[in-house]
C-alpha atoms as a PDB file:
ATOM      1  CA  MET A   1      18.772-141.504 194.972  1.00  0.00           C
ATOM      2  CA  SER A   2      15.163-141.984 193.569  1.00  0.00           C
ATOM      3  CA  ILE A   3      14.524-143.715 190.175  1.00  0.00           C
ATOM      4  CA  ARG A   4      11.554-142.938 187.807  1.00  0.00           C
ATOM      5  CA  ALA A   5      11.032-145.157 184.969  1.00  0.00           C
ATOM      6  CA  LEU A   6       8.433-145.159 182.383  1.00  0.00           C
ATOM      7  CA  GLY A   7       8.153-148.131 180.223  1.00  0.00           C
ATOM      8  CA  LEU A   8       5.517-149.224 177.623  1.00  0.00           C
ATOM      9  CA  PRO A   9       5.140-152.960 176.979  1.00  0.00           C
ATOM     10  CA  LEU A  10       5.974-153.930 173.434  1.00  0.00           C
ATOM     11  CA  ALA A  11       2.828-155.925 172.879  1.00  0.00           C
ATOM     12  CA  ALA A  12       0.638-152.970 173.644  1.00  0.00           C
ATOM     13  CA  ALA A  13       2.427-150.360 171.875  1.00  0.00           C
ATOM     14  CA  ILE A  14       3.941-151.372 168.428  1.00  0.00           C
ATOM     15  CA  LEU A  15       2.793-148.973 165.780  1.00  0.00           C
ATOM     16  CA  MET A  16       2.734-149.961 162.246  1.00  0.00           C
ATOM     17  CA  ALA A  17       5.173-148.539 159.754  1.00  0.00           C
ATOM     18  CA  SER A  18       4.136-146.152 156.961  1.00  0.00           C
ATOM     19  CA  SER A  19       5.608-144.903 153.762  1.00  0.00           C
ATOM     20  CA  VAL A  20       9.035-143.090 154.172  1.00  0.00           C
ATOM     21  CA  SER A  21       9.433-139.927 152.318  1.00  0.00           C
ATOM     22  CA  ALA A  22      12.231-139.152 150.036  1.00  0.00           C
ATOM     23  CA  ALA A  23      15.250-137.138 150.611  1.00  0.00           C
ATOM     24  CA  PRO A  24      14.571-133.381 151.412  1.00  0.00           C
ATOM     25  CA  PRO A  25      14.750-131.207 148.336  1.00  0.00           C
ATOM     26  CA  GLU A  26      17.632-129.264 149.751  1.00  0.00           C
ATOM     27  CA  VAL A  27      19.697-132.367 150.068  1.00  0.00           C
ATOM     28  CA  GLU A  28      18.847-133.571 146.571  1.00  0.00           C
ATOM     29  CA  ALA A  29      19.876-130.217 145.215  1.00  0.00           C
ATOM     30  CA  GLN A  30      23.160-130.306 147.107  1.00  0.00           C
ATOM     31  CA  MET A  31      24.015-133.783 145.740  1.00  0.00           C
ATOM     32  CA  ALA A  32      23.245-132.612 142.310  1.00  0.00           C
ATOM     33  CA  SER A  33      25.494-129.428 142.659  1.00  0.00           C
ATOM     34  CA  ALA A  34      28.340-130.502 144.731  1.00  0.00           C
ATOM     35  CA  ALA A  35      30.850-131.460 142.121  1.00  0.00           C
ATOM     36  CA  PRO A  36      32.828-128.703 140.360  1.00  0.00           C
ATOM     37  CA  ALA A  37      32.191-127.793 136.592  1.00  0.00           C
ATOM     38  CA  ASP A  38      33.331-130.448 134.034  1.00  0.00           C
ATOM     39  CA  SER A  39      36.971-130.273 133.318  1.00  0.00           C
ATOM     40  CA  PRO A  40      39.491-132.922 132.429  1.00  0.00           C
ATOM     41  CA  PRO A  41      40.230-135.102 135.552  1.00  0.00           C
ATOM     42  CA  VAL A  42      43.882-134.852 136.960  1.00  0.00           C
ATOM     43  CA  VAL A  43      45.156-138.404 137.428  1.00  0.00           C
ATOM     44  CA  VAL A  44      46.458-138.991 141.098  1.00  0.00           C
ATOM     45  CA  THR A  45      48.983-141.668 141.685  1.00  0.00           C
ATOM     46  CA  GLN A  46      50.285-140.783 145.169  1.00  0.00           C
ATOM     47  CA  CYS A  47      49.141-139.452 148.559  1.00  0.00           C
ATOM     48  CA  ARG A  48      48.980-135.847 148.550  1.00  0.00           C
ATOM     49  CA  TYR A  49      47.026-132.627 149.268  1.00  0.00           C
ATOM     50  CA  LEU A  50      44.428-131.622 146.603  1.00  0.00           C
ATOM     51  CA  ASN A  51      44.183-128.084 147.313  1.00  0.00           C
ATOM     52  CA  THR A  52      43.389-126.855 143.913  1.00  0.00           C
ATOM     53  CA  ALA A  53      39.644-126.885 142.534  1.00  0.00           C
ATOM     54  CA  GLY A  54      38.898-129.368 139.857  1.00  0.00           C
ATOM     55  CA  ASN A  55      38.208-133.039 139.015  1.00  0.00           C
ATOM     56  CA  TYR A  56      40.684-135.778 140.104  1.00  0.00           C
ATOM     57  CA  THR A  57      40.809-139.503 139.396  1.00  0.00           C
ATOM     58  CA  LEU A  58      42.536-142.214 141.268  1.00  0.00           C
ATOM     59  CA  THR A  59      44.051-144.850 138.949  1.00  0.00           C
ATOM     60  CA  THR A  60      45.806-147.025 141.463  1.00  0.00           C
ATOM     61  CA  ASP A  61      45.584-148.062 145.183  1.00  0.00           C
ATOM     62  CA  LEU A  62      47.462-145.986 147.587  1.00  0.00           C
ATOM     63  CA  ALA A  63      49.238-146.852 150.820  1.00  0.00           C
ATOM     64  CA  CYS A  64      49.904-143.580 152.738  1.00  0.00           C
ATOM     65  CA  GLY A  65      52.607-143.711 155.266  1.00  0.00           C
ATOM     66  CA  THR A  66      52.639-140.835 157.807  1.00  0.00           C
ATOM     67  CA  VAL A  67      50.947-138.338 155.435  1.00  0.00           C
ATOM     68  CA  SER A  68      47.158-138.732 154.979  1.00  0.00           C
ATOM     69  CA  PHE A  69      45.440-137.885 151.836  1.00  0.00           C
ATOM     70  CA  SER A  70      44.036-134.429 152.331  1.00  0.00           C
ATOM     71  CA  ILE A  71      41.339-132.595 150.336  1.00  0.00           C
ATOM     72  CA  GLY A  72      40.535-128.800 150.152  1.00  0.00           C
ATOM     73  CA  SER A  73      37.753-126.851 148.628  1.00  0.00           C
ATOM     74  CA  ASN A  74      35.768-127.443 145.273  1.00  0.00           C
ATOM     75  CA  VAL A  75      37.657-130.723 144.758  1.00  0.00           C
ATOM     76  CA  HIS A  76      35.849-133.784 143.215  1.00  0.00           C
ATOM     77  CA  LEU A  77      37.625-137.095 143.663  1.00  0.00           C
ATOM     78  CA  ASP A  78      36.503-140.155 141.928  1.00  0.00           C
ATOM     79  CA  CYS A  79      38.580-143.252 143.110  1.00  0.00           C
ATOM     80  CA  GLY A  80      36.908-145.701 140.638  1.00  0.00           C
ATOM     81  CA  GLY A  81      36.896-148.403 143.437  1.00  0.00           C
ATOM     82  CA  HIS A  82      40.511-147.950 144.325  1.00  0.00           C
ATOM     83  CA  ALA A  83      41.757-148.042 147.874  1.00  0.00           C
ATOM     84  CA  ILE A  84      43.485-145.160 150.191  1.00  0.00           C
ATOM     85  CA  SER A  85      44.832-146.925 153.185  1.00  0.00           C
ATOM     86  CA  PHE A  86      46.721-145.350 156.152  1.00  0.00           C
ATOM     87  CA  SER A  87      48.911-147.113 158.796  1.00  0.00           C
ATOM     88  CA  TYR A  88      49.881-144.098 160.888  1.00  0.00           C
ATOM     89  CA  ASN A  89      47.823-142.911 163.920  1.00  0.00           C
ATOM     90  CA  GLY A  90      45.134-140.675 162.119  1.00  0.00           C
ATOM     91  CA  ALA A  91      42.729-140.503 159.414  1.00  0.00           C
ATOM     92  CA  ALA A  92      43.368-141.930 156.024  1.00  0.00           C
ATOM     93  CA  VAL A  93      41.436-139.058 154.373  1.00  0.00           C
ATOM     94  CA  THR A  94      41.103-135.665 155.848  1.00  0.00           C
ATOM     95  CA  VAL A  95      38.753-132.802 154.504  1.00  0.00           C
ATOM     96  CA  SER A  96      39.116-129.235 155.407  1.00  0.00           C
ATOM     97  CA  GLY A  97      37.497-127.260 152.710  1.00  0.00           C
ATOM     98  CA  ASN A  98      34.022-126.311 151.167  1.00  0.00           C
ATOM     99  CA  ASN A  99      31.934-128.010 148.421  1.00  0.00           C
ATOM    100  CA  SER A 100      34.192-131.010 147.829  1.00  0.00           C
ATOM    101  CA  THR A 101      33.012-134.491 147.005  1.00  0.00           C
ATOM    102  CA  ILE A 102      34.533-138.120 146.944  1.00  0.00           C
ATOM    103  CA  ASP A 103      32.980-141.036 144.959  1.00  0.00           C
ATOM    104  CA  SER A 104      33.621-144.720 144.845  1.00  0.00           C
ATOM    105  CA  CYS A 105      36.640-144.698 147.209  1.00  0.00           C
ATOM    106  CA  VAL A 106      37.648-147.555 149.442  1.00  0.00           C
ATOM    107  CA  ILE A 107      39.126-145.910 152.566  1.00  0.00           C
ATOM    108  CA  ILE A 108      41.011-147.941 155.167  1.00  0.00           C
ATOM    109  CA  GLY A 109      42.180-146.444 158.379  1.00  0.00           C
ATOM    110  CA  PRO A 110      44.898-147.407 160.896  1.00  0.00           C
ATOM    111  CA  PRO A 111      44.219-150.489 163.171  1.00  0.00           C
ATOM    112  CA  ARG A 112      42.615-149.894 166.476  1.00  0.00           C
ATOM    113  CA  VAL A 113      44.970-148.620 169.179  1.00  0.00           C
ATOM    114  CA  GLY A 114      44.811-150.774 172.242  1.00  0.00           C
ATOM    115  CA  ALA A 115      42.553-149.222 174.856  1.00  0.00           C
ATOM    116  CA  ALA A 116      41.708-146.325 172.753  1.00  0.00           C
ATOM    117  CA  PRO A 117      39.451-147.733 169.943  1.00  0.00           C
ATOM    118  CA  TYR A 118      37.918-144.342 169.294  1.00  0.00           C
ATOM    119  CA  LEU A 119      40.983-143.327 167.648  1.00  0.00           C
ATOM    120  CA  TYR A 120      40.032-145.621 164.928  1.00  0.00           C
ATOM    121  CA  VAL A 121      38.998-142.779 162.434  1.00  0.00           C
ATOM    122  CA  SER A 122      39.317-143.350 158.727  1.00  0.00           C
ATOM    123  CA  MET A 123      37.815-140.111 157.366  1.00  0.00           C
ATOM    124  CA  TYR A 124      37.742-136.845 159.278  1.00  0.00           C
ATOM    125  CA  VAL A 125      35.856-133.641 157.957  1.00  0.00           C
ATOM    126  CA  SER A 126      36.647-130.751 160.159  1.00  0.00           C
ATOM    127  CA  SER A 127      35.496-127.112 160.687  1.00  0.00           C
ATOM    128  CA  PRO A 128      34.727-124.991 158.835  1.00  0.00           C
ATOM    129  CA  SER A 129      33.900-127.369 155.974  1.00  0.00           C
ATOM    130  CA  GLN A 130      30.608-126.853 154.287  1.00  0.00           C
ATOM    131  CA  GLY A 131      28.876-128.711 151.506  1.00  0.00           C
ATOM    132  CA  PHE A 132      30.973-132.019 151.565  1.00  0.00           C
ATOM    133  CA  MET A 133      29.665-134.979 150.077  1.00  0.00           C
ATOM    134  CA  ALA A 134      30.861-138.785 150.121  1.00  0.00           C
ATOM    135  CA  SER A 135      28.944-141.287 148.118  1.00  0.00           C
ATOM    136  CA  LYS A 136      29.271-144.801 147.159  1.00  0.00           C
ATOM    137  CA  CYS A 137      32.338-145.245 149.158  1.00  0.00           C
ATOM    138  CA  THR A 138      33.531-148.395 151.350  1.00  0.00           C
ATOM    139  CA  ILE A 139      35.046-147.251 154.596  1.00  0.00           C
ATOM    140  CA  GLY A 140      36.657-149.143 157.201  1.00  0.00           C
ATOM    141  CA  GLY A 141      36.619-147.237 160.314  1.00  0.00           C
ATOM    142  CA  THR A 142      34.831-144.213 161.839  1.00  0.00           C
ATOM    143  CA  VAL A 143      33.855-141.301 159.719  1.00  0.00           C
ATOM    144  CA  GLN A 144      33.950-138.024 161.914  1.00  0.00           C
ATOM    145  CA  LEU A 145      32.456-134.734 161.096  1.00  0.00           C
ATOM    146  CA  SER A 146      33.374-132.062 163.636  1.00  0.00           C
ATOM    147  CA  GLY A 147      31.774-128.681 163.410  1.00  0.00           C
ATOM    148  CA  VAL A 148      30.586-129.371 159.815  1.00  0.00           C
ATOM    149  CA  GLN A 149      27.722-127.651 158.068  1.00  0.00           C
ATOM    150  CA  GLY A 150      25.544-129.072 155.155  1.00  0.00           C
ATOM    151  CA  ALA A 151      27.380-132.298 154.517  1.00  0.00           C
ATOM    152  CA  VAL A 152      25.987-135.407 152.865  1.00  0.00           C
ATOM    153  CA  LEU A 153      26.939-139.092 153.459  1.00  0.00           C
ATOM    154  CA  ALA A 154      24.911-141.273 150.931  1.00  0.00           C
ATOM    155  CA  ASN A 155      24.976-144.757 149.718  1.00  0.00           C
ATOM    156  CA  ASN A 156      28.222-145.713 151.510  1.00  0.00           C
ATOM    157  CA  THR A 157      29.081-148.982 153.237  1.00  0.00           C
ATOM    158  CA  ILE A 158      30.683-148.154 156.540  1.00  0.00           C
ATOM    159  CA  ASN A 159      32.429-150.807 158.724  1.00  0.00           C
ATOM    160  CA  GLY A 160      32.445-148.347 161.733  1.00  0.00           C
ATOM    161  CA  THR A 161      30.678-145.455 163.063  1.00  0.00           C
ATOM    162  CA  VAL A 162      29.455-142.181 161.603  1.00  0.00           C
ATOM    163  CA  HIS A 163      30.142-139.571 164.325  1.00  0.00           C
ATOM    164  CA  LEU A 164      28.706-136.077 163.947  1.00  0.00           C
ATOM    165  CA  ASP A 165      30.166-133.572 166.571  1.00  0.00           C
ATOM    166  CA  ARG A 166      28.678-130.159 166.782  1.00  0.00           C
ATOM    167  CA  SER A 167      27.546-130.418 163.252  1.00  0.00           C
ATOM    168  CA  SER A 168      24.342-129.167 161.598  1.00  0.00           C
ATOM    169  CA  GLY A 169      22.483-129.489 158.375  1.00  0.00           C
ATOM    170  CA  VAL A 170      23.848-133.166 157.873  1.00  0.00           C
ATOM    171  CA  SER A 171      22.236-135.751 155.841  1.00  0.00           C
ATOM    172  CA  VAL A 172      23.048-139.356 156.540  1.00  0.00           C
ATOM    173  CA  GLN A 173      21.159-141.457 154.229  1.00  0.00           C
ATOM    174  CA  SER A 174      20.972-144.891 152.657  1.00  0.00           C
ATOM    175  CA  ASN A 175      24.171-146.049 154.143  1.00  0.00           C
ATOM    176  CA  THR A 176      24.950-149.606 155.350  1.00  0.00           C
ATOM    177  CA  LEU A 177      26.820-149.546 158.898  1.00  0.00           C
ATOM    178  CA  SER A 178      28.103-152.598 160.636  1.00  0.00           C
ATOM    179  CA  GLY A 179      31.254-153.628 162.613  1.00  0.00           C
ATOM    180  CA  TYR A 180      31.289-150.454 164.852  1.00  0.00           C
ATOM    181  CA  PHE A 181      32.905-150.378 168.162  1.00  0.00           C
ATOM    182  CA  GLY A 182      30.502-148.147 170.200  1.00  0.00           C
ATOM    183  CA  GLU A 183      27.460-147.160 168.200  1.00  0.00           C
ATOM    184  CA  GLY A 184      26.378-147.079 164.474  1.00  0.00           C
ATOM    185  CA  ILE A 185      25.696-143.328 164.346  1.00  0.00           C
ATOM    186  CA  LEU A 186      26.772-141.039 167.283  1.00  0.00           C
ATOM    187  CA  VAL A 187      25.643-137.363 167.599  1.00  0.00           C
ATOM    188  CA  SER A 188      27.536-135.421 170.211  1.00  0.00           C
ATOM    189  CA  GLY A 189      27.671-131.758 171.374  1.00  0.00           C
ATOM    190  CA  GLY A 190      24.226-130.799 169.848  1.00  0.00           C
ATOM    191  CA  GLY A 191      23.485-129.569 166.456  1.00  0.00           C
ATOM    192  CA  SER A 192      20.292-128.908 164.324  1.00  0.00           C
ATOM    193  CA  ASN A 193      18.487-129.879 161.259  1.00  0.00           C
ATOM    194  CA  ASN A 194      20.458-133.192 160.712  1.00  0.00           C
ATOM    195  CA  SER A 195      18.690-136.059 159.027  1.00  0.00           C
ATOM    196  CA  PHE A 196      19.167-139.800 159.239  1.00  0.00           C
ATOM    197  CA  LEU A 197      17.333-141.429 156.431  1.00  0.00           C
ATOM    198  CA  ASN A 198      16.912-144.957 155.213  1.00  0.00           C
ATOM    199  CA  ASN A 199      20.106-146.321 156.783  1.00  0.00           C
ATOM    200  CA  SER A 200      20.688-149.989 157.499  1.00  0.00           C
ATOM    201  CA  ILE A 201      22.539-150.417 161.004  1.00  0.00           C
ATOM    202  CA  SER A 202      23.411-153.796 162.176  1.00  0.00           C
ATOM    203  CA  GLY A 203      25.567-155.162 165.008  1.00  0.00           C
ATOM    204  CA  ASP A 204      26.371-154.579 168.476  1.00  0.00           C
ATOM    205  CA  GLY A 205      29.011-152.412 169.895  1.00  0.00           C
ATOM    206  CA  VAL A 206      30.228-152.071 173.503  1.00  0.00           C
ATOM    207  CA  ASP A 207      27.504-149.263 173.960  1.00  0.00           C
ATOM    208  CA  GLY A 208      24.750-151.462 172.533  1.00  0.00           C
ATOM    209  CA  VAL A 209      23.172-148.518 170.516  1.00  0.00           C
ATOM    210  CA  GLY A 210      22.218-148.049 166.988  1.00  0.00           C
ATOM    211  CA  ILE A 211      21.736-144.292 166.805  1.00  0.00           C
ATOM    212  CA  ASP A 212      23.009-142.390 169.984  1.00  0.00           C
ATOM    213  CA  PHE A 213      22.313-138.632 170.838  1.00  0.00           C
ATOM    214  CA  GLU A 214      24.854-137.377 173.393  1.00  0.00           C
ATOM    215  CA  ASN A 215      23.592-133.939 174.022  1.00  0.00           C
ATOM    216  CA  TYR A 216      26.158-132.464 176.443  1.00  0.00           C
ATOM    217  CA  VAL A 217      29.578-131.328 176.351  1.00  0.00           C
ATOM    218  CA  SER A 218      32.308-131.999 179.166  1.00  0.00           C
ATOM    219  CA  ASN A 219      33.793-129.158 181.150  1.00  0.00           C
ATOM    220  CA  ALA A 220      37.512-129.088 182.293  1.00  0.00           C
ATOM    221  CA  ASN A 221      36.348-129.234 185.976  1.00  0.00           C
ATOM    222  CA  GLY A 222      34.560-132.449 185.551  1.00  0.00           C
ATOM    223  CA  THR A 223      31.252-131.039 185.195  1.00  0.00           C
ATOM    224  CA  TYR A 224      28.669-131.189 181.996  1.00  0.00           C
ATOM    225  CA  THR A 225      26.964-128.702 180.063  1.00  0.00           C
ATOM    226  CA  LEU A 226      23.593-129.730 178.357  1.00  0.00           C
ATOM    227  CA  VAL A 227      23.287-128.659 174.672  1.00  0.00           C
ATOM    228  CA  SER A 228      20.153-129.406 172.484  1.00  0.00           C
ATOM    229  CA  ALA A 229      19.729-131.368 169.350  1.00  0.00           C
ATOM    230  CA  SER A 230      16.948-129.828 167.260  1.00  0.00           C
ATOM    231  CA  ASN A 231      14.804-130.059 164.273  1.00  0.00           C
ATOM    232  CA  ASP A 232      16.205-133.486 163.608  1.00  0.00           C
ATOM    233  CA  LEU A 233      14.651-136.117 161.291  1.00  0.00           C
ATOM    234  CA  ILE A 234      15.279-139.818 162.131  1.00  0.00           C
ATOM    235  CA  GLN A 235      13.218-141.713 159.578  1.00  0.00           C
ATOM    236  CA  GLY A 236      12.951-145.001 157.723  1.00  0.00           C
ATOM    237  CA  ASN A 237      16.105-146.692 159.290  1.00  0.00           C
ATOM    238  CA  THR A 238      16.525-150.323 159.927  1.00  0.00           C
ATOM    239  CA  ILE A 239      18.378-150.938 163.268  1.00  0.00           C
ATOM    240  CA  ALA A 240      19.116-154.657 164.083  1.00  0.00           C
ATOM    241  CA  ASN A 241      20.520-156.376 166.996  1.00  0.00           C
ATOM    242  CA  ALA A 242      21.677-153.274 169.066  1.00  0.00           C
ATOM    243  CA  SER A 243      21.572-154.831 172.599  1.00  0.00           C
ATOM    244  CA  VAL A 244      20.390-151.968 174.625  1.00  0.00           C
ATOM    245  CA  ALA A 245      18.454-149.524 172.454  1.00  0.00           C
ATOM    246  CA  GLY A 246      17.845-148.854 168.611  1.00  0.00           C
ATOM    247  CA  ILE A 247      17.943-145.184 169.419  1.00  0.00           C
ATOM    248  CA  GLU A 248      19.242-143.500 172.629  1.00  0.00           C
ATOM    249  CA  VAL A 249      18.879-139.862 173.611  1.00  0.00           C
ATOM    250  CA  VAL A 250      20.830-138.293 176.485  1.00  0.00           C
ATOM    251  CA  GLY A 251      20.130-134.684 177.169  1.00  0.00           C
ATOM    252  CA  PRO A 252      17.718-132.373 175.287  1.00  0.00           C
ATOM    253  CA  LEU A 253      15.863-133.133 172.118  1.00  0.00           C
ATOM    254  CA  THR A 254      13.610-130.573 170.576  1.00  0.00           C
ATOM    255  CA  ASN A 255      11.243-130.288 167.653  1.00  0.00           C
ATOM    256  CA  SER A 256      12.546-133.629 166.121  1.00  0.00           C
ATOM    257  CA  VAL A 257      10.813-136.317 164.353  1.00  0.00           C
ATOM    258  CA  ILE A 258      11.398-140.188 164.933  1.00  0.00           C
ATOM    259  CA  ASP A 259       9.310-141.824 162.166  1.00  0.00           C
ATOM    260  CA  GLY A 260       8.960-145.068 160.447  1.00  0.00           C
ATOM    261  CA  ASN A 261      12.003-146.767 161.810  1.00  0.00           C
ATOM    262  CA  ASN A 262      12.248-150.485 162.063  1.00  0.00           C
ATOM    263  CA  ILE A 263      14.017-151.661 165.311  1.00  0.00           C
ATOM    264  CA  LEU A 264      14.820-155.250 165.830  1.00  0.00           C
ATOM    265  CA  GLY A 265      16.347-157.118 168.764  1.00  0.00           C
ATOM    266  CA  SER A 266      17.019-154.398 171.258  1.00  0.00           C
ATOM    267  CA  LEU A 267      15.832-154.248 174.788  1.00  0.00           C
ATOM    268  CA  TYR A 268      14.444-150.657 174.161  1.00  0.00           C
ATOM    269  CA  GLY A 269      13.142-149.369 170.845  1.00  0.00           C
ATOM    270  CA  VAL A 270      13.894-145.974 172.033  1.00  0.00           C
ATOM    271  CA  TRP A 271      15.622-145.055 175.414  1.00  0.00           C
ATOM    272  CA  SER A 272      15.842-141.522 176.914  1.00  0.00           C
ATOM    273  CA  GLY A 273      17.794-140.997 180.167  1.00  0.00           C
ATOM    274  CA  SER A 274      20.622-139.722 182.036  1.00  0.00           C
ATOM    275  CA  TYR A 275      23.934-141.459 183.305  1.00  0.00           C
ATOM    276  CA  GLY A 276      23.974-141.559 187.141  1.00  0.00           C
ATOM    277  CA  THR A 277      24.148-138.252 188.881  1.00  0.00           C
ATOM    278  CA  ARG A 278      25.316-136.035 185.966  1.00  0.00           C
ATOM    279  CA  GLY A 279      22.021-134.220 186.137  1.00  0.00           C
ATOM    280  CA  MET A 280      21.139-135.036 182.496  1.00  0.00           C
ATOM    281  CA  ASN A 281      17.653-135.931 182.874  1.00  0.00           C
ATOM    282  CA  PRO A 282      15.530-136.317 179.711  1.00  0.00           C
ATOM    283  CA  GLN A 283      14.216-133.147 178.194  1.00  0.00           C
ATOM    284  CA  TRP A 284      11.755-133.780 175.296  1.00  0.00           C
ATOM    285  CA  THR A 285      10.062-130.648 173.731  1.00  0.00           C
ATOM    286  CA  GLY A 286       7.874-130.822 170.639  1.00  0.00           C
ATOM    287  CA  ASN A 287       8.965-134.159 169.294  1.00  0.00           C
ATOM    288  CA  ALA A 288       6.985-136.660 167.278  1.00  0.00           C
ATOM    289  CA  PHE A 289       7.413-140.506 167.733  1.00  0.00           C
ATOM    290  CA  THR A 290       5.301-141.957 165.028  1.00  0.00           C
ATOM    291  CA  ASN A 291       4.842-145.059 162.788  1.00  0.00           C
ATOM    292  CA  ASN A 292       7.860-147.018 164.099  1.00  0.00           C
ATOM    293  CA  VAL A 293       7.956-150.835 164.516  1.00  0.00           C
ATOM    294  CA  VAL A 294       9.829-152.507 167.254  1.00  0.00           C
ATOM    295  CA  SER A 295      10.237-156.287 167.437  1.00  0.00           C
ATOM    296  CA  ASN A 296      11.756-158.801 169.568  1.00  0.00           C
ATOM    297  CA  ALA A 297      12.305-156.200 172.259  1.00  0.00           C
ATOM    298  CA  ARG A 298      10.823-155.675 175.870  1.00  0.00           C
ATOM    299  CA  TYR A 299      10.026-151.916 175.555  1.00  0.00           C
ATOM    300  CA  LEU A 300       8.896-149.675 172.629  1.00  0.00           C
ATOM    301  CA  PHE A 301       9.939-146.363 174.527  1.00  0.00           C
ATOM    302  CA  ALA A 302      11.476-145.659 177.875  1.00  0.00           C
ATOM    303  CA  ILE A 303      12.320-142.567 179.791  1.00  0.00           C
ATOM    304  CA  ARG A 304      14.476-142.978 182.917  1.00  0.00           C
ATOM    305  CA  SER A 305      15.464-140.244 185.186  1.00  0.00           C
ATOM    306  CA  TYR A 306      18.015-140.393 188.145  1.00  0.00           C
ATOM    307  CA  GLY A 307      18.196-138.019 191.123  1.00  0.00           C
END
């Protein structure tokens, strides 16, 4: 097996940061219009399914047993800093509707389960949800968006991972992430037009990666199919102490921008490669890598292929 590696020494390749642009206008418009029209809020005092459009307010902490807190379409939930916790094997909060929002919630998922820590999901947003927004929440555990279109996660404190699975048009911005098991932000199964803006990601999970693109899907016969992430924007993020790479890309990345990020204390600023003999060699097309600052690292950018 041959190995080809390209590594640029840090001292010769650090680029100075420049100003970072604000959130795209379409994201700002979505954040402004996501909540339903003004109406008297319905007081919520128990774990339940909110399936009627309207405004809801949580007035007490809730400990859900085996029934998670579920949200349908056109629902605005303001927790006022109160907590929703869940001890069963599943997400504390699930969302399966369109154009719903949650604000100022403390969400606490179940404990990690033995050898399967990825089951530690606190909030699960599933297809075909569109237009969901979570802001100013404190979340203990993974936030997973699966097959979601046009969601916004903004100004949250997350002790866990943000996982985008086959999702597009999602904005992850101005969040603080730490305490994650694998990586701070995980993008799997492809997707397009996602943006990751001005997030603070710190700590080191078992994968040692701050933002991780895993652009393939696993097949039943043990093979893998490459899928592309495209037209993504990774900008203005601070990624600290991810031991392997600040940003990792496996599989195709197309027409995307990695700009103005500050990466500290990683072996690689950006690493793109494949895992062993999977045949997932790097495929970079039309991408821009500009104005990033990498410090206390060995390489700014590395591409590694196997086979």
